[in-house]
Every structure is written in structure tokens, then in C-alpha cells.
Protein backbone atom coordinates (compact mmCIF):
# COMPACT_ATOMS: atom_id res chain seq x y z
CA UNK A 1 0.00 0.00 0.00
CA UNK A 2 1.26 3.50 -0.82
CA UNK A 3 2.41 5.70 2.04
CA UNK A 4 -0.36 7.61 3.81
CA UNK A 5 0.07 11.25 4.92
CA UNK A 6 0.41 11.68 8.70
CA UNK A 7 -2.70 13.87 8.70
CA UNK A 8 -4.81 10.91 7.57
CA UNK A 9 -6.48 8.68 10.16
CA UNK A 10 -5.78 5.02 9.37
CA UNK A 11 -8.49 2.62 10.53
CA UNK A 12 -9.14 -1.11 10.74
CA UNK A 13 -12.89 -1.75 10.93
CA UNK A 14 -14.16 -4.99 12.48
CA UNK A 15 -17.83 -5.33 11.56
CA UNK A 16 -20.85 -7.65 11.51
CA UNK A 17 -22.15 -5.65 8.59
CA UNK A 18 -25.82 -5.04 9.11
CA UNK A 19 -27.75 -1.88 8.36
CA UNK A 20 -26.13 0.59 10.76
CA UNK A 21 -22.68 -0.89 10.05
CA UNK A 22 -23.23 -0.10 6.36
CA UNK A 23 -23.85 3.53 7.30
CA UNK A 24 -20.64 3.55 9.36
CA UNK A 25 -18.61 2.27 6.43
CA UNK A 26 -20.19 4.91 4.20
CA UNK A 27 -19.29 7.62 6.69
CA UNK A 28 -15.63 6.57 6.74
CA UNK A 29 -15.48 6.21 2.97
CA UNK A 30 -16.77 9.77 2.60
CA UNK A 31 -13.94 11.28 4.66
CA UNK A 32 -10.93 12.64 2.77
CA UNK A 33 -8.80 12.34 5.93
CA UNK A 34 -9.57 8.65 6.58
CA UNK A 35 -7.85 5.64 5.04
CA UNK A 36 -9.41 2.26 5.76
CA UNK A 37 -6.44 -0.09 6.05
CA UNK A 38 -8.57 -3.22 6.17
CA UNK A 39 -12.05 -4.44 7.02
CA UNK A 40 -12.50 -7.59 9.07
CA UNK A 41 -15.84 -9.33 9.39
CA UNK A 42 -17.63 -11.09 12.21
CA UNK A 43 -21.02 -12.76 12.80
CA UNK A 44 -23.78 -10.93 14.70
CA UNK A 45 -26.23 -8.88 12.70
CA UNK A 46 -25.84 -11.55 10.05
CA UNK A 47 -23.64 -14.64 9.48
CA UNK A 48 -19.99 -13.83 8.84
CA UNK A 49 -20.11 -14.66 5.11
CA UNK A 50 -23.09 -12.33 4.63
CA UNK A 51 -21.25 -9.66 6.60
CA UNK A 52 -18.41 -9.92 4.07
CA UNK A 53 -20.78 -9.77 1.10
CA UNK A 54 -22.38 -6.67 2.59
CA UNK A 55 -18.99 -5.00 2.99
CA UNK A 56 -18.26 -5.80 -0.66
CA UNK A 57 -21.60 -4.25 -1.62
CA UNK A 58 -20.73 -0.97 0.10
CA UNK A 59 -17.19 -0.96 -1.31
CA UNK A 60 -18.55 -1.57 -4.82
CA UNK A 61 -20.86 1.42 -4.42
CA UNK A 62 -17.91 3.55 -3.26
CA UNK A 63 -15.56 2.34 -6.00
CA UNK A 64 -13.19 1.12 -3.25
CA UNK A 65 -12.96 -2.61 -3.84
CA UNK A 66 -9.21 -2.23 -3.40
CA UNK A 67 -9.63 -2.18 0.39
CA UNK A 68 -8.57 -5.57 1.84
CA UNK A 69 -11.43 -7.62 3.31
CA UNK A 70 -10.77 -10.46 5.75
CA UNK A 71 -13.17 -13.14 6.94
CA UNK A 72 -13.44 -13.53 10.70
CA UNK A 73 -14.96 -15.83 13.29
CA UNK A 74 -18.36 -17.45 12.64
CA UNK A 75 -19.31 -18.06 16.28
CA UNK A 76 -18.50 -16.83 19.81
CA UNK A 77 -15.72 -18.26 21.95
CA UNK A 78 -18.34 -20.32 23.80
CA UNK A 79 -21.68 -21.51 22.46
CA UNK A 80 -23.41 -20.76 19.17
CA UNK A 81 -23.86 -17.52 17.27
CA UNK A 82 -27.00 -15.45 17.80
CA UNK A 83 -27.98 -13.79 14.51
CA UNK A 84 -30.16 -10.65 14.51
CA UNK A 85 -32.05 -11.39 11.30
CA UNK A 86 -35.24 -10.07 12.91
CA UNK A 87 -33.60 -6.62 12.83
CA UNK A 88 -31.37 -6.65 9.74
CA UNK A 89 -33.15 -9.14 7.46
CA UNK A 90 -31.94 -12.54 6.37
CA UNK A 91 -29.03 -11.07 4.40
CA UNK A 92 -28.10 -8.31 6.89
CA UNK A 93 -29.07 -5.47 4.53
CA UNK A 94 -32.81 -5.65 4.88
CA UNK A 95 -33.25 -8.03 1.89
CA UNK A 96 -33.47 -5.03 -0.45
CA UNK A 97 -30.29 -5.06 -2.53
CA UNK A 98 -28.49 -7.06 -5.18
CA UNK A 99 -25.35 -7.75 -3.22
CA UNK A 100 -21.78 -8.19 -4.40
CA UNK A 101 -20.13 -11.60 -4.61
CA UNK A 102 -18.18 -12.93 -1.66
CA UNK A 103 -14.47 -12.25 -2.18
CA UNK A 104 -11.99 -12.06 0.70
CA UNK A 105 -8.25 -12.14 1.31
CA UNK A 106 -6.52 -15.43 2.14
CA UNK A 107 -5.33 -13.91 5.42
CA UNK A 108 -7.84 -14.31 8.27
CA UNK A 109 -9.36 -11.40 10.18
CA UNK A 110 -7.43 -12.27 13.34
CA UNK A 111 -4.13 -12.52 11.49
CA UNK A 112 -4.75 -9.16 9.80
CA UNK A 113 -5.62 -7.41 13.07
CA UNK A 114 -2.42 -8.68 14.71
CA UNK A 115 -0.21 -8.01 11.69
CA UNK A 116 -1.32 -4.43 11.08
CA UNK A 117 -0.73 -3.52 14.74
CA UNK A 118 2.77 -5.00 14.61
CA UNK A 119 3.64 -3.31 11.31
CA UNK A 120 2.42 0.18 12.27
CA UNK A 121 2.48 0.57 16.07
CA UNK A 122 0.79 3.74 17.28
CA UNK A 123 -0.41 4.69 13.80
CA UNK A 124 -3.70 2.86 13.26
CA UNK A 125 -7.10 2.95 15.00
CA UNK A 126 -9.04 -0.27 15.64
CA UNK A 127 -12.82 0.10 15.37
CA UNK A 128 -14.91 -2.92 16.48
CA UNK A 129 -18.59 -2.62 15.54
CA UNK A 130 -19.79 -6.17 16.25
CA UNK A 131 -19.30 -9.01 18.72
CA UNK A 132 -15.74 -8.92 20.05
CA UNK A 133 -14.70 -12.47 19.13
CA UNK A 134 -12.12 -11.49 16.49
CA UNK A 135 -10.56 -8.97 18.87
CA UNK A 136 -10.40 -11.48 21.73
CA UNK A 137 -8.74 -14.04 19.45
CA UNK A 138 -6.21 -11.39 18.39
CA UNK A 139 -5.49 -10.58 22.05
CA UNK A 140 -4.86 -14.27 22.70
CA UNK A 141 -2.19 -14.06 20.02
CA UNK A 142 -0.78 -10.73 21.22
CA UNK A 143 -1.75 -9.61 24.77
CA UNK A 144 -0.13 -6.21 24.06
CA UNK A 145 -2.31 -5.61 20.99
CA UNK A 146 -4.02 -2.51 22.39
CA UNK A 147 -0.65 -0.96 23.21
CA UNK A 148 0.10 -1.03 19.48
CA UNK A 149 -3.13 0.52 18.16
CA UNK A 150 -3.45 4.29 18.49
CA UNK A 151 -7.01 3.90 19.74
CA UNK A 152 -9.63 1.17 20.11
CA UNK A 153 -13.11 2.66 19.76
CA UNK A 154 -15.74 0.02 20.48
CA UNK A 155 -19.46 0.18 19.78
CA UNK A 156 -20.56 -1.88 22.76
CA UNK A 157 -21.27 -1.81 26.43
CA UNK A 158 -23.69 0.43 28.30
CA UNK A 159 -21.64 3.15 29.97
CA UNK A 160 -21.87 3.57 33.76
CA UNK A 161 -24.67 2.21 35.89
CA UNK A 162 -27.95 4.05 35.17
CA UNK A 163 -29.24 6.85 37.37
CA UNK A 164 -31.83 5.78 39.94
CA UNK A 165 -35.06 4.95 38.11
CA UNK A 166 -33.25 4.56 34.80
CA UNK A 167 -33.28 1.41 32.70
CA UNK A 168 -30.46 -1.12 32.54
CA UNK A 169 -29.48 -1.45 28.88
CA UNK A 170 -27.87 -4.47 27.24
CA UNK A 171 -26.05 -4.22 23.92
CA UNK A 172 -26.02 -7.11 21.46
CA UNK A 173 -22.31 -6.87 20.71
CA UNK A 174 -21.05 -7.74 24.19
CA UNK A 175 -24.01 -10.01 24.97
CA UNK A 176 -23.27 -12.11 21.87
CA UNK A 177 -19.87 -13.11 23.26
CA UNK A 178 -19.58 -12.33 26.94
CA UNK A 179 -16.26 -14.14 27.30
CA UNK A 180 -14.77 -12.12 24.44
CA UNK A 181 -16.02 -8.89 26.03
CA UNK A 182 -14.29 -9.80 29.31
CA UNK A 183 -11.02 -10.45 27.47
CA UNK A 184 -11.24 -7.23 25.45
CA UNK A 185 -12.21 -4.81 28.21
CA UNK A 186 -9.79 -6.48 30.62
CA UNK A 187 -6.81 -6.32 28.28
CA UNK A 188 -3.77 -4.14 28.89
CA UNK A 189 -4.22 -0.76 27.27
CA UNK A 190 -2.67 2.69 27.19
CA UNK A 191 -5.81 4.57 28.20
CA UNK A 192 -6.83 4.36 24.56
CA UNK A 193 -9.88 2.04 24.75
CA UNK A 194 -13.19 3.85 24.31
CA UNK A 195 -16.64 2.41 24.99
CA UNK A 196 -19.42 3.96 22.95
CA UNK A 197 -22.30 2.20 24.63
CA UNK A 198 -26.01 1.88 24.05
CA UNK A 199 -26.60 4.42 26.82
CA UNK A 200 -25.59 7.09 24.29
CA UNK A 201 -26.04 5.44 20.88
CA UNK A 202 -29.74 4.86 21.57
CA UNK A 203 -30.17 8.64 21.64
CA UNK A 204 -28.44 9.20 18.27
CA UNK A 205 -31.75 9.36 16.43
CA UNK A 206 -32.07 9.58 12.65
CA UNK A 207 -35.56 10.98 12.20
CA UNK A 208 -37.98 11.40 9.30
CA UNK A 209 -36.16 14.52 8.11
CA UNK A 210 -32.93 12.57 7.61
CA UNK A 211 -34.66 10.04 5.35
CA UNK A 212 -36.24 12.86 3.36
CA UNK A 213 -32.84 14.51 2.88
CA UNK A 214 -31.24 11.28 1.65
CA UNK A 215 -34.07 10.47 -0.73
CA UNK A 216 -34.11 14.02 -2.02
CA UNK A 217 -30.49 13.91 -3.19
CA UNK A 218 -31.24 11.54 -6.05
CA UNK A 219 -27.73 10.05 -6.23
CA UNK A 220 -26.92 6.32 -6.04
CA UNK A 221 -24.91 6.92 -2.83
CA UNK A 222 -27.62 8.85 -0.97
CA UNK A 223 -30.35 6.59 -2.32
CA UNK A 224 -28.53 3.53 -0.96
CA UNK A 225 -28.10 5.23 2.42
CA UNK A 226 -31.78 6.14 2.44
CA UNK A 227 -32.87 2.61 1.57
CA UNK A 228 -30.67 1.23 4.36
CA UNK A 229 -32.24 3.68 6.82
CA UNK A 230 -35.75 2.83 5.65
CA UNK A 231 -35.03 -0.88 6.16
CA UNK A 232 -33.75 -0.17 9.68
CA UNK A 233 -36.94 1.76 10.38
CA UNK A 234 -38.94 -1.38 9.57
CA UNK A 235 -37.72 -2.72 12.90
CA UNK A 236 -37.43 0.44 14.97
CA UNK A 237 -40.92 1.75 14.21
CA UNK A 238 -42.23 -0.68 16.82
CA UNK A 239 -40.09 0.94 19.52
CA UNK A 240 -41.32 4.52 19.21
CA UNK A 241 -44.33 4.35 16.89
CA UNK A 242 -42.43 6.43 14.32
CA UNK A 243 -40.19 5.50 11.42
CA UNK A 244 -37.00 6.62 13.13
CA UNK A 245 -33.97 4.67 14.35
CA UNK A 246 -30.81 4.87 16.43
CA UNK A 247 -27.45 5.21 14.68
CA UNK A 248 -25.64 2.87 17.08
CA UNK A 249 -22.59 2.16 14.95
CA UNK A 250 -22.80 5.54 13.26
CA UNK A 251 -22.29 7.45 16.49
CA UNK A 252 -19.32 5.27 17.46
CA UNK A 253 -17.73 5.92 14.07
CA UNK A 254 -18.15 9.68 14.28
CA UNK A 255 -16.67 9.56 17.81
CA UNK A 256 -13.64 7.74 16.35
CA UNK A 257 -13.20 10.31 13.60
CA UNK A 258 -14.30 13.47 15.40
CA UNK A 259 -13.94 12.90 19.17
CA UNK A 260 -14.57 16.58 19.79
CA UNK A 261 -18.32 15.88 19.48
CA UNK A 262 -18.13 14.12 22.87
CA UNK A 263 -19.29 16.37 25.72
CA UNK A 264 -19.07 13.90 28.61
CA UNK A 265 -16.80 11.02 29.63
CA UNK A 266 -16.47 8.61 32.52
CA UNK A 267 -13.51 6.32 33.15
CA UNK A 268 -13.19 3.12 35.15
CA UNK A 269 -12.86 -0.66 35.03
CA UNK A 270 -15.65 -2.73 33.49
CA UNK A 271 -18.25 -4.64 35.48
CA UNK A 272 -20.45 -7.56 34.35
CA UNK A 273 -22.69 -8.00 37.42
CA UNK A 274 -26.09 -9.22 36.18
CA UNK A 275 -29.35 -7.67 37.28
CA UNK A 276 -32.78 -9.11 36.55
CA UNK A 277 -31.36 -11.30 33.82
CA UNK A 278 -29.50 -8.39 32.17
CA UNK A 279 -26.04 -9.11 30.79
CA UNK A 280 -25.08 -5.45 30.57
CA UNK A 281 -21.40 -4.58 30.23
CA UNK A 282 -20.91 -1.41 32.29
CA UNK A 283 -18.28 0.90 33.70
CA UNK A 284 -18.04 -0.02 37.38
CA UNK A 285 -19.26 3.37 38.63
CA UNK A 286 -22.63 4.91 39.39
CA UNK A 287 -24.10 7.52 37.06
CA UNK A 288 -22.58 10.14 39.39
CA UNK A 289 -19.14 8.57 39.09
CA UNK A 290 -19.18 7.04 42.58
CA UNK A 291 -17.86 3.56 43.46
CA UNK A 292 -20.28 0.65 43.51
CA UNK A 293 -21.46 -0.37 46.97
CA UNK A 294 -19.96 -3.87 46.60
CA UNK A 295 -16.58 -2.51 45.55
CA UNK A 296 -14.67 -1.73 42.40
CA UNK A 297 -13.29 -4.63 40.36
CA UNK A 298 -9.62 -4.70 39.51
CA UNK A 299 -8.46 -4.47 35.94
CA UNK A 300 -7.77 -2.10 33.09
CA UNK A 301 -9.77 1.09 32.86
CA UNK A 302 -11.86 2.15 29.89
CA UNK A 303 -13.16 5.57 28.86
CA UNK A 304 -16.88 5.62 28.15
CA UNK A 305 -18.88 8.30 26.37
CA UNK A 306 -21.75 9.67 28.45
CA UNK A 307 -22.97 12.54 26.27
CA UNK A 308 -22.37 14.09 22.87
CA UNK A 309 -23.29 17.08 20.72
CA UNK A 310 -26.29 15.75 18.80
CA UNK A 311 -26.41 18.66 16.37
CA UNK A 312 -22.76 18.23 15.40
CA UNK A 313 -23.18 14.47 15.08
CA UNK A 314 -26.18 14.77 12.77
CA UNK A 315 -24.50 17.41 10.63
CA UNK A 316 -21.40 15.29 10.11
CA UNK A 317 -23.20 11.99 9.65
CA UNK A 318 -25.97 13.11 7.32
CA UNK A 319 -23.50 15.09 5.22
CA UNK A 320 -21.38 11.95 4.71
CA UNK A 321 -24.40 9.81 3.82
CA UNK A 322 -25.54 12.48 1.38
CA UNK A 323 -22.32 13.58 -0.29
CA UNK A 324 -20.72 10.41 -1.60
CA UNK A 325 -17.28 8.78 -1.28
CA UNK A 326 -14.24 10.98 -0.95
CA UNK A 327 -12.21 11.34 -4.17
CA UNK A 328 -8.96 9.38 -4.32
CA UNK A 329 -5.71 11.32 -4.43
């Protein structure tokens, strides 16, 4: 690969490419200051092979089929995969598109994640958007993996414990492989692991106006983004009674690229204490930042987003989904 200017953010995306993952990839592909080094796939929203086909579909639309694509794990470290076809459709893209053919590199996702970190220490960001199985496998190979990535921005977890009266939220990514989540959030890091949890991503709402903007552009890029959003709304309409949805992965991706949109952080070790059957992955602090009454677990600390500038997020995200892929140099 040709040398990349130091002003460009180099990213490895690990994704279970469903509907909101597709939007995340489109956001990154629209940024002139982002270079996707590789994309690795995982099960979750859809089986791992469909995840790879969906990545290829987005890359074909962007004219970026040169980006290496690596097939990852098909199941969690323990047990069988849980596939969210009731949200993302049987193919992961809402069953609305003619998808690209499956074509991946010979190198596995885990091998690629380990290799890129070793080749370019401190220069590349790792961006997991699905279950953390690939990342846990990579950490088994190299326990210092997170010391070699510039940042590790994870869509997963649920932030700190909720305020009194608030709901306990569980995210699919950590629930789909609890053992992998424990390995990932407990790994050695350099203060560079960021949790963008469902406590904040659930509030990153793409409303009816966003769909109207995308459909009004009339370009293949914006039309694809609009169709993806409309398919996502097929599921989310039953949550709020409106055809709107949460940009879970989208918010995490904008936080990776433009961390200045974050207005609140909390930092601490991660706790997995269940409550009422919940398998929430949380920062081991109360909503006020106080220690838990049963004590604070030992282990690596993680920074979690607690609030963000919604106006700035929407401006950046909708502009990327509307404008098209960034031109190549």
C-alpha cells in the first residue's frame, strides 16, 4: 500500500455488517482524511459470510474494492452464534439489494488485526462494531495488541450504571460473546480504549427529516443510504411508533473520527454483574461517578462516552451519507 500522509487517520474496521454498520462504512469512505487499512468481518447482525458480502456491496458502491477484506470468526468463543435477522433481514441489509459476490483475502481477520498492529504501532485505530470475538482471538495471540493501536473505539457496552429509576441497557455486541467482552475490556491498554455504549447510541436518532434529505439527493450513494435507513426503520418503528432509528454504529464511528463531538466522559474498570437477567457490560461506577457499593473490580480502565453534541453528530453523519465517497488522491 502506498504511504499515507500523517494527517490521515488510518483505521481497521471490524464489523458484523448489518444496516447501521453499512452507514458507518459509508461515513468513513466519505472522509478525505480517513484511510481504511482493512475491514475484518464477524457474525452478529448476520452470518460472517453475509457480513463480508455486505462489505463488498458498500465498497462496490464507493468504488473502493481495493480495500482488503478479511473473513473472521463465525461463532463466539463459547456456544453458538446469535444472529439478529429479525432486525437486519436474512441477508443483513434488509433483503433489499443485489449484493456483491463474496471475495476475501486469504489472510484471516485475526491474522490481519495482529499483523497491522505490529507493522504500524501507534499509527492505526481499531474500530470494532460487532461481537468482540475477532478482537479477543487477536489478544490471545498478542496480549499487548491494544498498546500497538493508536485507539480502540468500540461500539458496545452500556456506559456507567444508570441513574436511579433509569433502565439497565444491554447491547447485542457484548451479549453475543460475553467471554470475548471480558477479554477485550480487561486487556492491557494505554488509556486508549473507548466504549461507545447503548446508553448514548440509543439517543443518536435519525428521524424522518434525515430520510427525506437522503431520498431528495437523487444520487446512487444517498439513495442507498436512504434505503438502508428505511429498512432499519422497519424494525425500529415498533419501539417509538415512528419510522426513526438509532445510529448505534454511526455514532461510534463519528466519535472515532471526530472525538470533539463528545461532551461527557467517565472512566473506570468494566463490570459484568447481572441484574434481573440483564447481561449489561458497564463501567463499574454509578451515574454520578461514585464507586459501587460492593466494591470496584480490579483491571484495566476504559473511557466511556456519556454525552455528545447531537447537532454536530447529525451534521457530520448526514453530510457523509448524502455527499458520496471521498475522491482518491
